[in-house]
Amino acid sequence: MAALDITADLTPLTPDQQARARGPDRLIWCLHTTALRQPELRWIHTGHPPNCPKPHVTTHQCPGRHQPNPQPALF
């Protein structure tokens, strides 16, 4: 088993919101609670039950930095 550091938006998503949020660099996670009552994110894969009652969340995506006056290319 491997461990990953993940920053997730913990607002639960509906199935429609999951479909819109999912992308090559943005995964959907199932939010489990361990026996010690600790939160645990599990990647949703093709074998994940479609009627899972646990909350589903997505990887956080920071908004891009706004550069009002981008510098011109050097070359």
PDB file of N, CA and C in Angstrom:
ATOM      1  N   MET A   1       0.848  -1.158   0.000  1.00  0.00           N
ATOM      2  CA  MET A   1       0.000   0.000   0.000  1.00  0.00           C
ATOM      3  C   MET A   1       0.903   1.234   0.000  1.00  0.00           C
ATOM      4  N   ALA A   2       0.532   2.243  -0.749  1.00  0.00           N
ATOM      5  CA  ALA A   2       1.303   3.483  -0.838  1.00  0.00           C
ATOM      6  C   ALA A   2       0.506   4.620  -0.221  1.00  0.00           C
ATOM      7  N   ALA A   3       1.212   5.618   0.227  1.00  0.00           N
ATOM      8  CA  ALA A   3       0.567   6.795   0.794  1.00  0.00           C
ATOM      9  C   ALA A   3       0.827   7.983  -0.117  1.00  0.00           C
ATOM     10  N   LEU A   4      -0.182   8.812  -0.277  1.00  0.00           N
ATOM     11  CA  LEU A   4      -0.085  10.017  -1.089  1.00  0.00           C
ATOM     12  C   LEU A   4      -0.510  11.208  -0.250  1.00  0.00           C
ATOM     13  N   ASP A   5       0.087  12.350  -0.508  1.00  0.00           N
ATOM     14  CA  ASP A   5      -0.388  13.596   0.092  1.00  0.00           C
ATOM     15  C   ASP A   5      -1.379  14.196  -0.886  1.00  0.00           C
ATOM     16  N   ILE A   6      -2.613  14.393  -0.428  1.00  0.00           N
ATOM     17  CA  ILE A   6      -3.680  14.886  -1.287  1.00  0.00           C
ATOM     18  C   ILE A   6      -4.326  16.081  -0.611  1.00  0.00           C
ATOM     19  N   THR A   7      -4.571  17.108  -1.380  1.00  0.00           N
ATOM     20  CA  THR A   7      -5.375  18.226  -0.904  1.00  0.00           C
ATOM     21  C   THR A   7      -6.701  18.140  -1.638  1.00  0.00           C
ATOM     22  N   ALA A   8      -7.767  17.958  -0.879  1.00  0.00           N
ATOM     23  CA  ALA A   8      -9.086  17.769  -1.487  1.00  0.00           C
ATOM     24  C   ALA A   8     -10.038  18.851  -1.027  1.00  0.00           C
ATOM     25  N   ASP A   9     -10.962  19.191  -1.904  1.00  0.00           N
ATOM     26  CA  ASP A   9     -12.085  20.049  -1.529  1.00  0.00           C
ATOM     27  C   ASP A   9     -13.099  19.123  -0.867  1.00  0.00           C
ATOM     28  N   LEU A  10     -13.417  19.370   0.388  1.00  0.00           N
ATOM     29  CA  LEU A  10     -14.241  18.429   1.142  1.00  0.00           C
ATOM     30  C   LEU A  10     -15.738  18.662   1.022  1.00  0.00           C
ATOM     31  N   THR A  11     -16.156  19.460   0.056  1.00  0.00           N
ATOM     32  CA  THR A  11     -17.580  19.628  -0.212  1.00  0.00           C
ATOM     33  C   THR A  11     -18.046  18.404  -0.999  1.00  0.00           C
ATOM     34  N   PRO A  12     -18.996  17.629  -0.464  1.00  0.00           N
ATOM     35  CA  PRO A  12     -19.465  16.448  -1.187  1.00  0.00           C
ATOM     36  C   PRO A  12     -20.062  16.825  -2.548  1.00  0.00           C
ATOM     37  N   LEU A  13     -19.802  15.972  -3.540  1.00  0.00           N
ATOM     38  CA  LEU A  13     -20.259  16.225  -4.901  1.00  0.00           C
ATOM     39  C   LEU A  13     -21.370  15.258  -5.288  1.00  0.00           C
ATOM     40  N   THR A  14     -22.317  15.751  -6.060  1.00  0.00           N
ATOM     41  CA  THR A  14     -23.342  14.884  -6.642  1.00  0.00           C
ATOM     42  C   THR A  14     -22.699  14.129  -7.805  1.00  0.00           C
ATOM     43  N   PRO A  15     -23.328  13.076  -8.313  1.00  0.00           N
ATOM     44  CA  PRO A  15     -22.765  12.378  -9.476  1.00  0.00           C
ATOM     45  C   PRO A  15     -22.550  13.309 -10.680  1.00  0.00           C
ATOM     46  N   ASP A  16     -23.469  14.244 -10.931  1.00  0.00           N
ATOM     47  CA  ASP A  16     -23.290  15.185 -12.048  1.00  0.00           C
ATOM     48  C   ASP A  16     -22.081  16.092 -11.812  1.00  0.00           C
ATOM     49  N   GLN A  17     -21.918  16.577 -10.585  1.00  0.00           N
ATOM     50  CA  GLN A  17     -20.765  17.425 -10.263  1.00  0.00           C
ATOM     51  C   GLN A  17     -19.461  16.637 -10.397  1.00  0.00           C
ATOM     52  N   GLN A  18     -19.481  15.368 -10.020  1.00  0.00           N
ATOM     53  CA  GLN A  18     -18.290  14.523 -10.155  1.00  0.00           C
ATOM     54  C   GLN A  18     -17.897  14.395 -11.620  1.00  0.00           C
ATOM     55  N   ALA A  19     -18.871  14.175 -12.489  1.00  0.00           N
ATOM     56  CA  ALA A  19     -18.593  14.011 -13.915  1.00  0.00           C
ATOM     57  C   ALA A  19     -17.985  15.288 -14.497  1.00  0.00           C
ATOM     58  N   ARG A  20     -18.468  16.453 -14.068  1.00  0.00           N
ATOM     59  CA  ARG A  20     -17.937  17.726 -14.571  1.00  0.00           C
ATOM     60  C   ARG A  20     -16.559  18.031 -13.999  1.00  0.00           C
ATOM     61  N   ALA A  21     -16.295  17.618 -12.757  1.00  0.00           N
ATOM     62  CA  ALA A  21     -15.020  17.936 -12.096  1.00  0.00           C
ATOM     63  C   ALA A  21     -13.896  16.992 -12.493  1.00  0.00           C
ATOM     64  N   ARG A  22     -14.225  15.776 -12.867  1.00  0.00           N
ATOM     65  CA  ARG A  22     -13.211  14.750 -13.161  1.00  0.00           C
ATOM     66  C   ARG A  22     -12.412  15.149 -14.400  1.00  0.00           C
ATOM     67  N   GLY A  23     -11.098  14.941 -14.336  1.00  0.00           N
ATOM     68  CA  GLY A  23     -10.228  15.237 -15.462  1.00  0.00           C
ATOM     69  C   GLY A  23      -8.921  14.486 -15.320  1.00  0.00           C
ATOM     70  N   PRO A  24      -8.012  14.635 -16.300  1.00  0.00           N
ATOM     71  CA  PRO A  24      -6.760  13.884 -16.245  1.00  0.00           C
ATOM     72  C   PRO A  24      -5.906  14.208 -15.009  1.00  0.00           C
ATOM     73  N   ASP A  25      -6.007  15.415 -14.499  1.00  0.00           N
ATOM     74  CA  ASP A  25      -5.228  15.809 -13.318  1.00  0.00           C
ATOM     75  C   ASP A  25      -6.121  16.118 -12.124  1.00  0.00           C
ATOM     76  N   ARG A  26      -7.359  15.686 -12.190  1.00  0.00           N
ATOM     77  CA  ARG A  26      -8.302  15.955 -11.103  1.00  0.00           C
ATOM     78  C   ARG A  26      -9.136  14.700 -10.881  1.00  0.00           C
ATOM     79  N   LEU A  27      -8.858  14.021  -9.765  1.00  0.00           N
ATOM     80  CA  LEU A  27      -9.510  12.753  -9.463  1.00  0.00           C
ATOM     81  C   LEU A  27     -10.667  12.940  -8.493  1.00  0.00           C
ATOM     82  N   ILE A  28     -11.531  11.943  -8.442  1.00  0.00           N
ATOM     83  CA  ILE A  28     -12.633  11.911  -7.480  1.00  0.00           C
ATOM     84  C   ILE A  28     -12.262  10.886  -6.418  1.00  0.00           C
ATOM     85  N   TRP A  29     -12.517  11.241  -5.167  1.00  0.00           N
ATOM     86  CA  TRP A  29     -12.156  10.404  -4.017  1.00  0.00           C
ATOM     87  C   TRP A  29     -13.390  10.079  -3.189  1.00  0.00           C
ATOM     88  N   CYS A  30     -13.397   8.889  -2.601  1.00  0.00           N
ATOM     89  CA  CYS A  30     -14.448   8.465  -1.687  1.00  0.00           C
ATOM     90  C   CYS A  30     -13.923   8.711  -0.271  1.00  0.00           C
ATOM     91  N   LEU A  31     -14.684   9.440   0.527  1.00  0.00           N
ATOM     92  CA  LEU A  31     -14.252   9.822   1.870  1.00  0.00           C
ATOM     93  C   LEU A  31     -14.742   8.799   2.892  1.00  0.00           C
ATOM     94  N   HIS A  32     -13.825   7.951   3.326  1.00  0.00           N
ATOM     95  CA  HIS A  32     -14.113   6.920   4.331  1.00  0.00           C
ATOM     96  C   HIS A  32     -13.718   7.441   5.712  1.00  0.00           C
ATOM     97  N   THR A  33     -14.184   6.753   6.736  1.00  0.00           N
ATOM     98  CA  THR A  33     -13.754   6.999   8.107  1.00  0.00           C
ATOM     99  C   THR A  33     -13.173   5.691   8.628  1.00  0.00           C
ATOM    100  N   THR A  34     -11.947   5.735   9.139  1.00  0.00           N
ATOM    101  CA  THR A  34     -11.291   4.527   9.634  1.00  0.00           C
ATOM    102  C   THR A  34     -11.902   4.089  10.962  1.00  0.00           C
ATOM    103  N   ALA A  35     -11.485   2.927  11.437  1.00  0.00           N
ATOM    104  CA  ALA A  35     -11.953   2.419  12.731  1.00  0.00           C
ATOM    105  C   ALA A  35     -11.568   3.361  13.870  1.00  0.00           C
ATOM    106  N   LEU A  36     -10.492   4.142  13.666  1.00  0.00           N
ATOM    107  CA  LEU A  36     -10.065   5.123  14.676  1.00  0.00           C
ATOM    108  C   LEU A  36     -10.710   6.486  14.448  1.00  0.00           C
ATOM    109  N   ARG A  37     -11.724   6.518  13.594  1.00  0.00           N
ATOM    110  CA  ARG A  37     -12.506   7.727  13.292  1.00  0.00           C
ATOM    111  C   ARG A  37     -11.680   8.806  12.594  1.00  0.00           C
ATOM    112  N   GLN A  38     -10.682   8.366  11.829  1.00  0.00           N
ATOM    113  CA  GLN A  38      -9.857   9.286  11.042  1.00  0.00           C
ATOM    114  C   GLN A  38     -10.357   9.297   9.601  1.00  0.00           C
ATOM    115  N   PRO A  39     -10.360  10.465   8.951  1.00  0.00           N
ATOM    116  CA  PRO A  39     -10.776  10.492   7.547  1.00  0.00           C
ATOM    117  C   PRO A  39      -9.729   9.820   6.664  1.00  0.00           C
ATOM    118  N   GLU A  40     -10.199   9.140   5.629  1.00  0.00           N
ATOM    119  CA  GLU A  40      -9.307   8.461   4.697  1.00  0.00           C
ATOM    120  C   GLU A  40      -9.900   8.606   3.294  1.00  0.00           C
ATOM    121  N   LEU A  41      -9.103   9.121   2.375  1.00  0.00           N
ATOM    122  CA  LEU A  41      -9.541   9.258   0.993  1.00  0.00           C
ATOM    123  C   LEU A  41      -9.152   8.014   0.215  1.00  0.00           C
ATOM    124  N   ARG A  42     -10.105   7.482  -0.538  1.00  0.00           N
ATOM    125  CA  ARG A  42      -9.845   6.324  -1.393  1.00  0.00           C
ATOM    126  C   ARG A  42     -10.229   6.699  -2.819  1.00  0.00           C
ATOM    127  N   TRP A  43      -9.307   6.426  -3.730  1.00  0.00           N
ATOM    128  CA  TRP A  43      -9.530   6.759  -5.128  1.00  0.00           C
ATOM    129  C   TRP A  43     -10.707   5.963  -5.671  1.00  0.00           C
ATOM    130  N   ILE A  44     -11.581   6.630  -6.396  1.00  0.00           N
ATOM    131  CA  ILE A  44     -12.716   5.958  -7.017  1.00  0.00           C
ATOM    132  C   ILE A  44     -12.239   5.372  -8.344  1.00  0.00           C
ATOM    133  N   HIS A  45     -12.359   4.068  -8.479  1.00  0.00           N
ATOM    134  CA  HIS A  45     -11.925   3.374  -9.685  1.00  0.00           C
ATOM    135  C   HIS A  45     -13.130   2.698 -10.330  1.00  0.00           C
ATOM    136  N   THR A  46     -12.915   1.983 -11.394  1.00  0.00           N
ATOM    137  CA  THR A  46     -14.029   1.391 -12.139  1.00  0.00           C
ATOM    138  C   THR A  46     -14.829   0.379 -11.320  1.00  0.00           C
ATOM    139  N   GLY A  47     -14.224  -0.241 -10.317  1.00  0.00           N
ATOM    140  CA  GLY A  47     -14.936  -1.209  -9.493  1.00  0.00           C
ATOM    141  C   GLY A  47     -15.676  -0.596  -8.308  1.00  0.00           C
ATOM    142  N   HIS A  48     -15.644   0.717  -8.192  1.00  0.00           N
ATOM    143  CA  HIS A  48     -16.313   1.397  -7.069  1.00  0.00           C
ATOM    144  C   HIS A  48     -17.826   1.263  -7.223  1.00  0.00           C
ATOM    145  N   PRO A  49     -18.543   0.906  -6.138  1.00  0.00           N
ATOM    146  CA  PRO A  49     -19.993   0.718  -6.261  1.00  0.00           C
ATOM    147  C   PRO A  49     -20.702   2.031  -6.632  1.00  0.00           C
ATOM    148  N   PRO A  50     -21.570   2.012  -7.639  1.00  0.00           N
ATOM    149  CA  PRO A  50     -22.245   3.239  -8.073  1.00  0.00           C
ATOM    150  C   PRO A  50     -23.202   3.804  -7.023  1.00  0.00           C
ATOM    151  N   ASN A  51     -23.660   2.976  -6.095  1.00  0.00           N
ATOM    152  CA  ASN A  51     -24.595   3.441  -5.057  1.00  0.00           C
ATOM    153  C   ASN A  51     -23.898   3.649  -3.713  1.00  0.00           C
ATOM    154  N   CYS A  52     -22.616   3.953  -3.717  1.00  0.00           N
ATOM    155  CA  CYS A  52     -21.843   4.159  -2.495  1.00  0.00           C
ATOM    156  C   CYS A  52     -22.455   5.307  -1.678  1.00  0.00           C
ATOM    157  N   PRO A  53     -22.730   5.088  -0.394  1.00  0.00           N
ATOM    158  CA  PRO A  53     -23.363   6.128   0.420  1.00  0.00           C
ATOM    159  C   PRO A  53     -22.385   7.153   1.002  1.00  0.00           C
ATOM    160  N   LYS A  54     -21.098   6.911   0.855  1.00  0.00           N
ATOM    161  CA  LYS A  54     -20.102   7.822   1.442  1.00  0.00           C
ATOM    162  C   LYS A  54     -19.958   9.074   0.577  1.00  0.00           C
ATOM    163  N   PRO A  55     -19.519  10.195   1.189  1.00  0.00           N
ATOM    164  CA  PRO A  55     -19.324  11.415   0.397  1.00  0.00           C
ATOM    165  C   PRO A  55     -18.192  11.252  -0.606  1.00  0.00           C
ATOM    166  N   HIS A  56     -18.349  11.832  -1.760  1.00  0.00           N
ATOM    167  CA  HIS A  56     -17.321  11.839  -2.797  1.00  0.00           C
ATOM    168  C   HIS A  56     -16.851  13.276  -2.982  1.00  0.00           C
ATOM    169  N   VAL A  57     -15.533  13.433  -3.031  1.00  0.00           N
ATOM    170  CA  VAL A  57     -14.922  14.761  -3.122  1.00  0.00           C
ATOM    171  C   VAL A  57     -13.899  14.745  -4.256  1.00  0.00           C
ATOM    172  N   THR A  58     -13.376  15.913  -4.596  1.00  0.00           N
ATOM    173  CA  THR A  58     -12.406  15.993  -5.677  1.00  0.00           C
ATOM    174  C   THR A  58     -11.106  16.626  -5.205  1.00  0.00           C
ATOM    175  N   THR A  59     -10.060  16.380  -5.965  1.00  0.00           N
ATOM    176  CA  THR A  59      -8.765  16.981  -5.706  1.00  0.00           C
ATOM    177  C   THR A  59      -8.886  18.490  -5.846  1.00  0.00           C
ATOM    178  N   HIS A  60      -8.301  19.222  -4.913  1.00  0.00           N
ATOM    179  CA  HIS A  60      -8.352  20.689  -4.965  1.00  0.00           C
ATOM    180  C   HIS A  60      -7.572  21.191  -6.165  1.00  0.00           C
ATOM    181  N   GLN A  61      -8.111  22.209  -6.802  1.00  0.00           N
ATOM    182  CA  GLN A  61      -7.444  22.809  -7.945  1.00  0.00           C
ATOM    183  C   GLN A  61      -7.354  24.314  -7.683  1.00  0.00           C
ATOM    184  N   CYS A  62      -6.132  24.786  -7.466  1.00  0.00           N
ATOM    185  CA  CYS A  62      -5.935  26.208  -7.210  1.00  0.00           C
ATOM    186  C   CYS A  62      -6.211  27.001  -8.482  1.00  0.00           C
ATOM    187  N   PRO A  63      -6.832  28.172  -8.337  1.00  0.00           N
ATOM    188  CA  PRO A  63      -7.019  29.004  -9.520  1.00  0.00           C
ATOM    189  C   PRO A  63      -5.669  29.512 -10.003  1.00  0.00           C
ATOM    190  N   GLY A  64      -5.541  29.707 -11.299  1.00  0.00           N
ATOM    191  CA  GLY A  64      -4.282  30.206 -11.869  1.00  0.00           C
ATOM    192  C   GLY A  64      -3.984  31.612 -11.388  1.00  0.00           C
ATOM    193  N   ARG A  65      -2.709  31.921 -11.349  1.00  0.00           N
ATOM    194  CA  ARG A  65      -2.316  33.274 -10.942  1.00  0.00           C
ATOM    195  C   ARG A  65      -2.635  34.237 -12.061  1.00  0.00           C
ATOM    196  N   HIS A  66      -3.185  35.358 -11.715  1.00  0.00           N
ATOM    197  CA  HIS A  66      -3.547  36.377 -12.698  1.00  0.00           C
ATOM    198  C   HIS A  66      -2.357  37.307 -12.902  1.00  0.00           C
ATOM    199  N   GLN A  67      -1.906  37.416 -14.128  1.00  0.00           N
ATOM    200  CA  GLN A  67      -0.818  38.332 -14.452  1.00  0.00           C
ATOM    201  C   GLN A  67      -1.382  39.416 -15.379  1.00  0.00           C
ATOM    202  N   PRO A  68      -1.650  40.608 -14.833  1.00  0.00           N
ATOM    203  CA  PRO A  68      -2.273  41.649 -15.647  1.00  0.00           C
ATOM    204  C   PRO A  68      -1.390  42.101 -16.814  1.00  0.00           C
ATOM    205  N   ASN A  69      -0.074  42.130 -16.641  1.00  0.00           N
ATOM    206  CA  ASN A  69       0.840  42.566 -17.697  1.00  0.00           C
ATOM    207  C   ASN A  69       1.931  41.514 -17.870  1.00  0.00           C
ATOM    208  N   PRO A  70       1.642  40.443 -18.619  1.00  0.00           N
ATOM    209  CA  PRO A  70       2.661  39.416 -18.771  1.00  0.00           C
ATOM    210  C   PRO A  70       3.877  39.963 -19.514  1.00  0.00           C
ATOM    211  N   GLN A  71       5.053  39.470 -19.143  1.00  0.00           N
ATOM    212  CA  GLN A  71       6.286  39.912 -19.790  1.00  0.00           C
ATOM    213  C   GLN A  71       6.366  39.316 -21.184  1.00  0.00           C
ATOM    214  N   PRO A  72       6.910  40.073 -22.142  1.00  0.00           N
ATOM    215  CA  PRO A  72       7.061  39.524 -23.487  1.00  0.00           C
ATOM    216  C   PRO A  72       8.144  38.446 -23.492  1.00  0.00           C
ATOM    217  N   ALA A  73       8.069  37.577 -24.489  1.00  0.00           N
ATOM    218  CA  ALA A  73       9.080  36.519 -24.639  1.00  0.00           C
ATOM    219  C   ALA A  73      10.438  37.124 -24.893  1.00  0.00           C
ATOM    220  N   LEU A  74      11.486  36.474 -24.390  1.00  0.00           N
ATOM    221  CA  LEU A  74      12.845  36.979 -24.570  1.00  0.00           C
ATOM    222  C   LEU A  74      13.365  36.691 -25.975  1.00  0.00           C
ATOM    223  N   PHE A  75      12.917  35.618 -26.608  1.00  0.00           N
ATOM    224  CA  PHE A  75      13.429  35.255 -27.917  1.00  0.00           C
ATOM    225  C   PHE A  75      12.300  35.125 -28.916  1.00  0.00           C
TER     226      PHE A  75
END
